[in-house]
Amino acid sequence: MKVLTLLGSARKKGNTARALGWVEEELKSLGHEVEQIDLTRKEIKGCLGCAKCKENPKAIACIQKDDAEGILTKMMEADATLFTSPAYFWGVTAQVKALMDRSWSLVTGFHTPDHVSLVEGQRQALLVTGGGQYENNVEPIFTGFGRLQNFYKTVNAGELFIGGCTIDGNMPEDARQRAIAFARALVV
């Protein structure tokens, strides 16, 4: 299986990158092809809401020229996409949010019988790290991700929140085991 991972953390050795490393290591050991894109190192402009992308349901068709189109193309080519982010103020990082906003160009006819998605049927998953607990903290991220799956017409292949992380890199003792189990579930 071809798996695209999207690192949404600016900290190359932070908790999210570390957890993603465990996931990628497990996926590779299982024989899957893994490609990581570090979103914080890419130029991804915000969506303009111009709807030009809705004129061609068979192509991305965004009028902006930056790194988003290439990333979205790689999403289309993958069997599975894993979004990752630390929790920032009850949401994902700006880089992940910008890509999600620009992914509007992958879908036409939402809420109509003509609903078409360029990633339909793909497996997608979400990994989030944070300092707090799930409740009153990251639920909106996972709620939004579930709604995004409906929009994309994709399969939710898993969701993992690793809470209790600290800025100096301390993570719960079971974080690695949970990341490995999550990786296995992603490609089932």
N, C-alpha and C. Protein backbone atom coordinates (compact mmCIF):
# COMPACT_ATOMS: atom_id res chain seq x y z
N MET A 1 0.84 -1.17 0.00
CA MET A 1 0.00 0.00 0.00
C MET A 1 0.89 1.25 0.00
N LYS A 2 0.48 2.25 -0.74
CA LYS A 2 1.19 3.51 -0.80
C LYS A 2 0.56 4.48 0.20
N VAL A 3 1.34 4.88 1.21
CA VAL A 3 0.83 5.72 2.28
C VAL A 3 1.53 7.08 2.25
N LEU A 4 0.73 8.13 2.21
CA LEU A 4 1.24 9.49 2.27
C LEU A 4 1.02 10.01 3.68
N THR A 5 2.09 10.51 4.33
CA THR A 5 1.94 11.10 5.65
C THR A 5 2.20 12.60 5.55
N LEU A 6 1.36 13.36 6.24
CA LEU A 6 1.44 14.81 6.22
C LEU A 6 1.80 15.30 7.61
N LEU A 7 3.05 15.72 7.79
CA LEU A 7 3.52 16.21 9.08
C LEU A 7 3.12 17.67 9.23
N GLY A 8 2.30 17.95 10.21
CA GLY A 8 1.80 19.31 10.41
C GLY A 8 2.43 20.04 11.57
N SER A 9 3.55 19.57 12.05
CA SER A 9 4.23 20.21 13.18
C SER A 9 5.52 20.87 12.73
N ALA A 10 5.77 22.06 13.21
CA ALA A 10 7.00 22.78 12.88
C ALA A 10 8.21 22.23 13.62
N ARG A 11 7.97 21.47 14.67
CA ARG A 11 9.06 20.91 15.47
C ARG A 11 9.48 19.56 14.89
N LYS A 12 10.61 19.54 14.20
CA LYS A 12 11.07 18.33 13.51
C LYS A 12 11.33 17.16 14.46
N LYS A 13 11.60 17.47 15.73
CA LYS A 13 11.84 16.41 16.71
C LYS A 13 10.82 16.49 17.85
N GLY A 14 9.69 17.10 17.58
CA GLY A 14 8.65 17.23 18.59
C GLY A 14 7.83 15.96 18.74
N ASN A 15 6.83 16.03 19.59
CA ASN A 15 5.99 14.87 19.90
C ASN A 15 5.27 14.32 18.68
N THR A 16 4.72 15.19 17.85
CA THR A 16 4.00 14.73 16.67
C THR A 16 4.94 14.03 15.70
N ALA A 17 6.09 14.63 15.45
CA ALA A 17 7.08 14.02 14.55
C ALA A 17 7.57 12.68 15.10
N ARG A 18 7.73 12.61 16.40
CA ARG A 18 8.19 11.37 17.03
C ARG A 18 7.13 10.26 16.88
N ALA A 19 5.89 10.60 17.17
CA ALA A 19 4.81 9.61 17.02
C ALA A 19 4.66 9.19 15.56
N LEU A 20 4.76 10.16 14.66
CA LEU A 20 4.68 9.83 13.23
C LEU A 20 5.84 8.92 12.83
N GLY A 21 7.01 9.15 13.37
CA GLY A 21 8.16 8.29 13.08
C GLY A 21 7.89 6.85 13.46
N TRP A 22 7.25 6.63 14.60
CA TRP A 22 6.91 5.26 15.01
C TRP A 22 5.92 4.64 14.04
N VAL A 23 4.94 5.43 13.63
CA VAL A 23 3.95 4.93 12.67
C VAL A 23 4.62 4.57 11.35
N GLU A 24 5.43 5.47 10.83
CA GLU A 24 6.10 5.23 9.55
C GLU A 24 7.03 4.02 9.62
N GLU A 25 7.75 3.90 10.70
CA GLU A 25 8.66 2.76 10.89
C GLU A 25 7.88 1.45 10.85
N GLU A 26 6.74 1.41 11.52
CA GLU A 26 5.92 0.20 11.52
C GLU A 26 5.36 -0.09 10.13
N LEU A 27 4.87 0.94 9.45
CA LEU A 27 4.33 0.76 8.10
C LEU A 27 5.39 0.19 7.15
N LYS A 28 6.59 0.74 7.24
CA LYS A 28 7.68 0.25 6.38
C LYS A 28 8.04 -1.19 6.73
N SER A 29 8.04 -1.53 8.03
CA SER A 29 8.38 -2.91 8.43
C SER A 29 7.34 -3.90 7.93
N LEU A 30 6.12 -3.41 7.69
CA LEU A 30 5.05 -4.26 7.15
C LEU A 30 5.08 -4.31 5.62
N GLY A 31 6.04 -3.60 5.01
CA GLY A 31 6.21 -3.66 3.57
C GLY A 31 5.49 -2.58 2.77
N HIS A 32 4.97 -1.57 3.45
CA HIS A 32 4.26 -0.50 2.76
C HIS A 32 5.22 0.61 2.33
N GLU A 33 4.86 1.26 1.24
CA GLU A 33 5.62 2.40 0.73
C GLU A 33 5.11 3.65 1.45
N VAL A 34 6.03 4.40 2.06
CA VAL A 34 5.65 5.58 2.84
C VAL A 34 6.38 6.80 2.31
N GLU A 35 5.62 7.87 2.08
CA GLU A 35 6.20 9.15 1.71
C GLU A 35 5.69 10.21 2.68
N GLN A 36 6.62 10.94 3.28
CA GLN A 36 6.25 12.00 4.21
C GLN A 36 6.41 13.36 3.54
N ILE A 37 5.43 14.23 3.76
CA ILE A 37 5.53 15.62 3.34
C ILE A 37 5.45 16.47 4.60
N ASP A 38 6.46 17.29 4.81
CA ASP A 38 6.50 18.21 5.94
C ASP A 38 5.78 19.49 5.51
N LEU A 39 4.54 19.65 5.93
CA LEU A 39 3.73 20.79 5.49
C LEU A 39 4.30 22.13 5.92
N THR A 40 5.06 22.16 7.01
CA THR A 40 5.60 23.43 7.49
C THR A 40 6.75 23.93 6.61
N ARG A 41 7.23 23.08 5.74
CA ARG A 41 8.32 23.47 4.83
C ARG A 41 7.78 23.75 3.42
N LYS A 42 6.47 23.78 3.28
CA LYS A 42 5.84 24.00 1.98
C LYS A 42 5.09 25.33 1.95
N GLU A 43 4.95 25.88 0.76
CA GLU A 43 4.16 27.09 0.59
C GLU A 43 2.73 26.68 0.25
N ILE A 44 1.83 26.93 1.18
CA ILE A 44 0.42 26.60 0.98
C ILE A 44 -0.39 27.84 1.32
N LYS A 45 -0.85 28.51 0.30
CA LYS A 45 -1.65 29.72 0.50
C LYS A 45 -3.07 29.33 0.93
N GLY A 46 -3.74 30.23 1.58
CA GLY A 46 -5.11 29.99 1.99
C GLY A 46 -6.05 29.96 0.80
N CYS A 47 -7.15 29.24 0.95
CA CYS A 47 -8.17 29.16 -0.10
C CYS A 47 -8.78 30.54 -0.32
N LEU A 48 -9.00 30.90 -1.57
CA LEU A 48 -9.60 32.19 -1.92
C LEU A 48 -11.13 32.12 -1.97
N GLY A 49 -11.68 30.93 -1.95
CA GLY A 49 -13.12 30.78 -2.03
C GLY A 49 -13.71 31.24 -3.34
N CYS A 50 -12.92 31.24 -4.40
CA CYS A 50 -13.37 31.75 -5.70
C CYS A 50 -14.22 30.75 -6.47
N ALA A 51 -14.14 29.48 -6.08
CA ALA A 51 -14.90 28.37 -6.69
C ALA A 51 -14.52 28.06 -8.13
N LYS A 52 -13.41 28.56 -8.62
CA LYS A 52 -12.94 28.19 -9.96
C LYS A 52 -12.67 26.69 -10.04
N CYS A 53 -12.27 26.09 -8.91
CA CYS A 53 -11.98 24.66 -8.88
C CYS A 53 -13.23 23.81 -9.11
N LYS A 54 -14.38 24.37 -8.98
CA LYS A 54 -15.62 23.62 -9.16
C LYS A 54 -16.02 23.49 -10.62
N GLU A 55 -15.30 24.16 -11.50
CA GLU A 55 -15.64 24.14 -12.92
C GLU A 55 -15.21 22.86 -13.62
N ASN A 56 -14.27 22.11 -13.01
CA ASN A 56 -13.80 20.87 -13.61
C ASN A 56 -13.77 19.77 -12.55
N PRO A 57 -14.77 18.89 -12.50
CA PRO A 57 -14.82 17.86 -11.46
C PRO A 57 -13.77 16.76 -11.61
N LYS A 58 -13.01 16.76 -12.70
CA LYS A 58 -12.02 15.71 -12.93
C LYS A 58 -10.59 16.16 -12.67
N ALA A 59 -10.42 17.39 -12.15
CA ALA A 59 -9.08 17.91 -11.90
C ALA A 59 -9.09 18.79 -10.67
N ILE A 60 -7.92 19.03 -10.11
CA ILE A 60 -7.81 19.91 -8.94
C ILE A 60 -8.26 21.32 -9.31
N ALA A 61 -7.78 21.85 -10.39
CA ALA A 61 -8.24 23.10 -11.01
C ALA A 61 -8.20 24.33 -10.10
N CYS A 62 -7.32 24.37 -9.12
CA CYS A 62 -7.16 25.56 -8.29
C CYS A 62 -6.35 26.59 -9.08
N ILE A 63 -6.74 27.85 -8.99
CA ILE A 63 -6.04 28.89 -9.75
C ILE A 63 -4.73 29.32 -9.10
N GLN A 64 -4.54 28.99 -7.82
CA GLN A 64 -3.31 29.40 -7.13
C GLN A 64 -2.18 28.43 -7.47
N LYS A 65 -1.02 28.98 -7.61
CA LYS A 65 0.16 28.17 -7.94
C LYS A 65 1.13 28.21 -6.76
N ASP A 66 1.11 27.14 -6.00
CA ASP A 66 2.02 26.97 -4.88
C ASP A 66 2.22 25.47 -4.68
N ASP A 67 2.63 25.04 -3.51
CA ASP A 67 2.89 23.61 -3.28
C ASP A 67 1.63 22.78 -3.05
N ALA A 68 0.50 23.41 -2.83
CA ALA A 68 -0.73 22.67 -2.50
C ALA A 68 -1.13 21.71 -3.61
N GLU A 69 -1.08 22.14 -4.85
CA GLU A 69 -1.51 21.27 -5.94
C GLU A 69 -0.70 19.98 -5.99
N GLY A 70 0.61 20.07 -5.82
CA GLY A 70 1.45 18.88 -5.82
C GLY A 70 1.13 17.94 -4.67
N ILE A 71 0.85 18.51 -3.49
CA ILE A 71 0.50 17.70 -2.33
C ILE A 71 -0.85 17.02 -2.55
N LEU A 72 -1.81 17.76 -3.07
CA LEU A 72 -3.13 17.19 -3.35
C LEU A 72 -3.04 16.10 -4.42
N THR A 73 -2.17 16.27 -5.39
CA THR A 73 -1.96 15.24 -6.41
C THR A 73 -1.41 13.97 -5.76
N LYS A 74 -0.46 14.13 -4.84
CA LYS A 74 0.09 12.97 -4.13
C LYS A 74 -0.98 12.29 -3.29
N MET A 75 -1.89 13.07 -2.71
CA MET A 75 -3.01 12.49 -1.98
C MET A 75 -3.87 11.63 -2.91
N MET A 76 -4.11 12.13 -4.10
CA MET A 76 -4.92 11.39 -5.08
C MET A 76 -4.25 10.08 -5.47
N GLU A 77 -2.93 10.07 -5.53
CA GLU A 77 -2.18 8.90 -5.96
C GLU A 77 -1.98 7.87 -4.85
N ALA A 78 -2.18 8.27 -3.60
CA ALA A 78 -1.95 7.38 -2.46
C ALA A 78 -3.14 6.46 -2.21
N ASP A 79 -2.85 5.34 -1.57
CA ASP A 79 -3.92 4.45 -1.11
C ASP A 79 -4.45 4.91 0.24
N ALA A 80 -3.57 5.57 1.00
CA ALA A 80 -3.94 6.06 2.33
C ALA A 80 -3.20 7.37 2.59
N THR A 81 -3.87 8.27 3.30
CA THR A 81 -3.25 9.53 3.71
C THR A 81 -3.42 9.68 5.21
N LEU A 82 -2.33 10.02 5.88
CA LEU A 82 -2.34 10.25 7.32
C LEU A 82 -2.05 11.72 7.59
N PHE A 83 -3.02 12.41 8.17
CA PHE A 83 -2.86 13.80 8.60
C PHE A 83 -2.34 13.77 10.03
N THR A 84 -1.33 14.60 10.34
CA THR A 84 -0.82 14.68 11.71
C THR A 84 -0.67 16.13 12.12
N SER A 85 -0.90 16.38 13.42
CA SER A 85 -0.78 17.75 13.92
C SER A 85 -0.73 17.74 15.44
N PRO A 86 0.01 18.66 16.02
CA PRO A 86 -0.20 18.92 17.44
C PRO A 86 -1.50 19.71 17.58
N ALA A 87 -2.12 19.64 18.73
CA ALA A 87 -3.32 20.42 18.98
C ALA A 87 -2.91 21.87 19.25
N TYR A 88 -3.48 22.79 18.49
CA TYR A 88 -3.24 24.22 18.67
C TYR A 88 -4.58 24.89 18.88
N PHE A 89 -4.84 25.35 20.06
CA PHE A 89 -6.07 26.10 20.35
C PHE A 89 -7.31 25.42 19.79
N TRP A 90 -7.54 24.18 20.17
CA TRP A 90 -8.72 23.39 19.80
C TRP A 90 -8.78 23.09 18.30
N GLY A 91 -7.65 23.14 17.62
CA GLY A 91 -7.63 22.85 16.20
C GLY A 91 -6.27 22.30 15.77
N VAL A 92 -6.14 22.08 14.47
CA VAL A 92 -4.87 21.66 13.89
C VAL A 92 -4.02 22.89 13.60
N THR A 93 -2.78 22.68 13.24
CA THR A 93 -1.89 23.80 12.93
C THR A 93 -2.37 24.52 11.67
N ALA A 94 -1.91 25.73 11.49
CA ALA A 94 -2.31 26.55 10.33
C ALA A 94 -1.94 25.86 9.02
N GLN A 95 -0.82 25.15 8.98
CA GLN A 95 -0.39 24.49 7.75
C GLN A 95 -1.35 23.36 7.36
N VAL A 96 -1.78 22.57 8.34
CA VAL A 96 -2.73 21.49 8.07
C VAL A 96 -4.07 22.10 7.65
N LYS A 97 -4.50 23.12 8.36
CA LYS A 97 -5.78 23.75 8.05
C LYS A 97 -5.77 24.35 6.65
N ALA A 98 -4.67 24.98 6.27
CA ALA A 98 -4.58 25.56 4.92
C ALA A 98 -4.70 24.48 3.85
N LEU A 99 -4.05 23.34 4.06
CA LEU A 99 -4.16 22.26 3.08
C LEU A 99 -5.58 21.71 3.05
N MET A 100 -6.19 21.53 4.21
CA MET A 100 -7.57 21.05 4.24
C MET A 100 -8.50 22.02 3.51
N ASP A 101 -8.29 23.32 3.73
CA ASP A 101 -9.11 24.32 3.03
C ASP A 101 -8.92 24.23 1.52
N ARG A 102 -7.68 24.09 1.11
CA ARG A 102 -7.38 24.01 -0.33
C ARG A 102 -7.87 22.69 -0.93
N SER A 103 -8.09 21.68 -0.10
CA SER A 103 -8.59 20.41 -0.62
C SER A 103 -10.04 20.52 -1.06
N TRP A 104 -10.65 21.68 -0.86
CA TRP A 104 -11.98 21.95 -1.40
C TRP A 104 -11.97 21.65 -2.90
N SER A 105 -10.82 21.84 -3.53
CA SER A 105 -10.68 21.63 -4.97
C SER A 105 -10.72 20.15 -5.37
N LEU A 106 -10.72 19.24 -4.41
CA LEU A 106 -10.80 17.81 -4.72
C LEU A 106 -12.24 17.33 -4.88
N VAL A 107 -13.19 18.17 -4.52
CA VAL A 107 -14.59 17.72 -4.45
C VAL A 107 -15.50 18.70 -5.18
N THR A 108 -16.44 18.14 -5.92
CA THR A 108 -17.49 18.96 -6.54
C THR A 108 -18.84 18.32 -6.21
N GLY A 109 -19.86 19.14 -6.20
CA GLY A 109 -21.23 18.67 -6.02
C GLY A 109 -21.56 18.15 -4.64
N PHE A 110 -20.87 18.63 -3.60
CA PHE A 110 -21.16 18.17 -2.24
C PHE A 110 -22.61 18.47 -1.91
N HIS A 111 -23.26 17.53 -1.25
CA HIS A 111 -24.69 17.60 -0.88
C HIS A 111 -25.61 17.56 -2.09
N THR A 112 -25.14 16.99 -3.19
CA THR A 112 -25.99 16.80 -4.36
C THR A 112 -25.80 15.38 -4.87
N PRO A 113 -26.66 14.91 -5.75
CA PRO A 113 -26.46 13.58 -6.35
C PRO A 113 -25.20 13.51 -7.22
N ASP A 114 -24.66 14.66 -7.61
CA ASP A 114 -23.46 14.71 -8.45
C ASP A 114 -22.17 14.84 -7.63
N HIS A 115 -22.20 14.48 -6.35
CA HIS A 115 -21.04 14.58 -5.45
C HIS A 115 -19.90 13.72 -5.99
N VAL A 116 -18.79 14.37 -6.36
CA VAL A 116 -17.61 13.69 -6.91
C VAL A 116 -16.39 14.07 -6.08
N SER A 117 -15.58 13.09 -5.76
CA SER A 117 -14.35 13.33 -5.03
C SER A 117 -13.19 12.66 -5.74
N LEU A 118 -12.09 13.37 -5.87
CA LEU A 118 -10.90 12.82 -6.51
C LEU A 118 -10.12 11.87 -5.60
N VAL A 119 -10.54 11.76 -4.32
CA VAL A 119 -9.91 10.82 -3.39
C VAL A 119 -10.94 9.81 -2.85
N GLU A 120 -12.04 9.66 -3.54
CA GLU A 120 -13.10 8.76 -3.10
C GLU A 120 -12.57 7.35 -2.86
N GLY A 121 -12.97 6.77 -1.73
CA GLY A 121 -12.58 5.40 -1.40
C GLY A 121 -11.22 5.26 -0.73
N GLN A 122 -10.44 6.33 -0.70
CA GLN A 122 -9.12 6.28 -0.08
C GLN A 122 -9.26 6.10 1.44
N ARG A 123 -8.28 5.47 2.04
CA ARG A 123 -8.20 5.37 3.50
C ARG A 123 -7.51 6.62 4.02
N GLN A 124 -8.07 7.22 5.06
CA GLN A 124 -7.46 8.39 5.67
C GLN A 124 -7.50 8.25 7.18
N ALA A 125 -6.51 8.83 7.83
CA ALA A 125 -6.42 8.74 9.28
C ALA A 125 -5.88 10.05 9.84
N LEU A 126 -6.04 10.20 11.15
CA LEU A 126 -5.62 11.42 11.84
C LEU A 126 -4.88 11.06 13.12
N LEU A 127 -3.70 11.67 13.30
CA LEU A 127 -2.91 11.52 14.51
C LEU A 127 -2.69 12.91 15.09
N VAL A 128 -3.07 13.11 16.34
CA VAL A 128 -2.92 14.40 17.01
C VAL A 128 -2.21 14.18 18.34
N THR A 129 -1.29 15.07 18.67
CA THR A 129 -0.65 15.07 19.98
C THR A 129 -1.01 16.36 20.71
N GLY A 130 -0.94 16.30 22.03
CA GLY A 130 -1.24 17.51 22.79
C GLY A 130 -0.91 17.34 24.26
N GLY A 131 -0.93 18.44 24.95
CA GLY A 131 -0.60 18.43 26.37
C GLY A 131 -1.76 18.05 27.26
N GLY A 132 -2.96 18.32 26.80
CA GLY A 132 -4.13 18.09 27.63
C GLY A 132 -4.79 16.76 27.38
N GLN A 133 -6.01 16.65 27.86
CA GLN A 133 -6.82 15.46 27.67
C GLN A 133 -7.71 15.63 26.45
N TYR A 134 -8.42 14.58 26.10
CA TYR A 134 -9.32 14.63 24.95
C TYR A 134 -10.49 15.58 25.19
N GLU A 135 -11.15 15.42 26.33
CA GLU A 135 -12.33 16.22 26.64
C GLU A 135 -11.98 17.70 26.79
N ASN A 136 -12.87 18.53 26.31
CA ASN A 136 -12.69 19.99 26.38
C ASN A 136 -11.36 20.44 25.79
N ASN A 137 -10.90 19.73 24.79
CA ASN A 137 -9.59 20.02 24.22
C ASN A 137 -9.56 19.74 22.73
N VAL A 138 -9.54 18.47 22.34
CA VAL A 138 -9.33 18.12 20.94
C VAL A 138 -10.55 17.54 20.23
N GLU A 139 -11.69 17.42 20.94
CA GLU A 139 -12.87 16.85 20.28
C GLU A 139 -13.20 17.55 18.97
N PRO A 140 -13.11 18.90 18.90
CA PRO A 140 -13.45 19.56 17.63
C PRO A 140 -12.58 19.12 16.45
N ILE A 141 -11.33 18.77 16.72
CA ILE A 141 -10.44 18.32 15.66
C ILE A 141 -10.98 17.01 15.06
N PHE A 142 -11.35 16.09 15.92
CA PHE A 142 -11.81 14.78 15.47
C PHE A 142 -13.21 14.86 14.87
N THR A 143 -14.05 15.74 15.39
CA THR A 143 -15.37 15.96 14.80
C THR A 143 -15.21 16.50 13.38
N GLY A 144 -14.36 17.51 13.22
CA GLY A 144 -14.11 18.09 11.90
C GLY A 144 -13.52 17.08 10.94
N PHE A 145 -12.62 16.23 11.43
CA PHE A 145 -12.02 15.22 10.56
C PHE A 145 -13.08 14.24 10.07
N GLY A 146 -13.98 13.84 10.94
CA GLY A 146 -15.06 12.95 10.53
C GLY A 146 -15.94 13.56 9.45
N ARG A 147 -16.20 14.84 9.58
CA ARG A 147 -16.99 15.53 8.56
C ARG A 147 -16.22 15.65 7.26
N LEU A 148 -14.91 15.82 7.36
CA LEU A 148 -14.07 15.88 6.17
C LEU A 148 -14.11 14.56 5.40
N GLN A 149 -14.18 13.44 6.11
CA GLN A 149 -14.26 12.13 5.46
C GLN A 149 -15.54 12.03 4.63
N ASN A 150 -16.63 12.55 5.15
CA ASN A 150 -17.89 12.55 4.41
C ASN A 150 -17.76 13.40 3.14
N PHE A 151 -17.13 14.55 3.27
CA PHE A 151 -16.90 15.45 2.15
C PHE A 151 -16.02 14.78 1.09
N TYR A 152 -14.94 14.16 1.54
CA TYR A 152 -13.99 13.49 0.63
C TYR A 152 -14.53 12.17 0.07
N LYS A 153 -15.55 11.58 0.70
CA LYS A 153 -16.04 10.24 0.37
C LYS A 153 -14.94 9.20 0.60
N THR A 154 -14.24 9.36 1.71
CA THR A 154 -13.13 8.46 2.04
C THR A 154 -13.49 7.57 3.23
N VAL A 155 -12.62 6.63 3.50
CA VAL A 155 -12.78 5.69 4.61
C VAL A 155 -11.94 6.19 5.78
N ASN A 156 -12.57 6.37 6.92
CA ASN A 156 -11.83 6.75 8.12
C ASN A 156 -11.10 5.50 8.61
N ALA A 157 -9.77 5.49 8.43
CA ALA A 157 -8.96 4.32 8.76
C ALA A 157 -8.38 4.39 10.17
N GLY A 158 -8.69 5.44 10.90
CA GLY A 158 -8.22 5.51 12.28
C GLY A 158 -8.00 6.91 12.77
N GLU A 159 -8.10 7.03 14.08
CA GLU A 159 -7.86 8.30 14.76
C GLU A 159 -7.09 8.00 16.03
N LEU A 160 -6.04 8.77 16.28
CA LEU A 160 -5.24 8.58 17.48
C LEU A 160 -4.92 9.92 18.10
N PHE A 161 -5.24 10.05 19.38
CA PHE A 161 -4.84 11.23 20.14
C PHE A 161 -3.89 10.77 21.24
N ILE A 162 -2.72 11.35 21.26
CA ILE A 162 -1.76 11.09 22.33
C ILE A 162 -1.70 12.36 23.17
N GLY A 163 -2.40 12.34 24.29
CA GLY A 163 -2.42 13.47 25.20
C GLY A 163 -1.37 13.31 26.29
N GLY A 164 -1.25 14.32 27.11
CA GLY A 164 -0.30 14.27 28.20
C GLY A 164 1.14 14.46 27.77
N CYS A 165 1.33 15.02 26.59
CA CYS A 165 2.69 15.28 26.08
C CYS A 165 3.19 16.61 26.66
N THR A 166 4.49 16.72 26.81
CA THR A 166 5.08 17.98 27.28
C THR A 166 5.98 18.57 26.21
N ILE A 167 6.22 19.86 26.32
CA ILE A 167 7.03 20.57 25.32
C ILE A 167 8.47 20.05 25.28
N ASP A 168 8.94 19.46 26.38
CA ASP A 168 10.31 18.94 26.39
C ASP A 168 10.39 17.50 25.91
N GLY A 169 9.30 16.97 25.34
CA GLY A 169 9.34 15.67 24.69
C GLY A 169 8.88 14.48 25.51
N ASN A 170 8.41 14.71 26.72
CA ASN A 170 7.87 13.60 27.49
C ASN A 170 6.50 13.23 26.95
N MET A 171 6.31 11.93 26.77
CA MET A 171 5.05 11.39 26.28
C MET A 171 4.61 10.26 27.20
N PRO A 172 3.33 9.90 27.18
CA PRO A 172 2.89 8.78 27.99
C PRO A 172 3.68 7.51 27.66
N GLU A 173 3.84 6.64 28.65
CA GLU A 173 4.62 5.42 28.47
C GLU A 173 4.11 4.53 27.35
N ASP A 174 2.80 4.53 27.13
CA ASP A 174 2.23 3.66 26.11
C ASP A 174 2.13 4.30 24.72
N ALA A 175 2.70 5.48 24.54
CA ALA A 175 2.57 6.21 23.27
C ALA A 175 3.10 5.41 22.08
N ARG A 176 4.27 4.83 22.23
CA ARG A 176 4.86 4.07 21.12
C ARG A 176 3.98 2.86 20.74
N GLN A 177 3.52 2.13 21.73
CA GLN A 177 2.68 0.95 21.46
C GLN A 177 1.37 1.37 20.79
N ARG A 178 0.80 2.47 21.23
CA ARG A 178 -0.44 2.95 20.63
C ARG A 178 -0.20 3.38 19.19
N ALA A 179 0.94 4.02 18.91
CA ALA A 179 1.28 4.45 17.55
C ALA A 179 1.47 3.24 16.63
N ILE A 180 2.10 2.20 17.13
CA ILE A 180 2.32 1.00 16.33
C ILE A 180 0.98 0.32 16.01
N ALA A 181 0.11 0.19 17.00
CA ALA A 181 -1.21 -0.41 16.78
C ALA A 181 -2.02 0.43 15.79
N PHE A 182 -1.90 1.73 15.91
CA PHE A 182 -2.59 2.66 14.99
C PHE A 182 -2.09 2.45 13.56
N ALA A 183 -0.78 2.30 13.38
CA ALA A 183 -0.19 2.07 12.06
C ALA A 183 -0.75 0.79 11.45
N ARG A 184 -0.83 -0.25 12.22
CA ARG A 184 -1.35 -1.53 11.71
C ARG A 184 -2.80 -1.40 11.28
N ALA A 185 -3.59 -0.68 12.06
CA ALA A 185 -5.01 -0.49 11.73
C ALA A 185 -5.20 0.37 10.47
N LEU A 186 -4.28 1.27 10.25
CA LEU A 186 -4.36 2.17 9.09
C LEU A 186 -4.35 1.41 7.77
N VAL A 187 -3.65 0.30 7.72
CA VAL A 187 -3.47 -0.42 6.46
C VAL A 187 -4.20 -1.76 6.40
N VAL A 188 -5.11 -2.00 7.31
CA VAL A 188 -5.87 -3.26 7.33
C VAL A 188 -6.83 -3.29 6.16
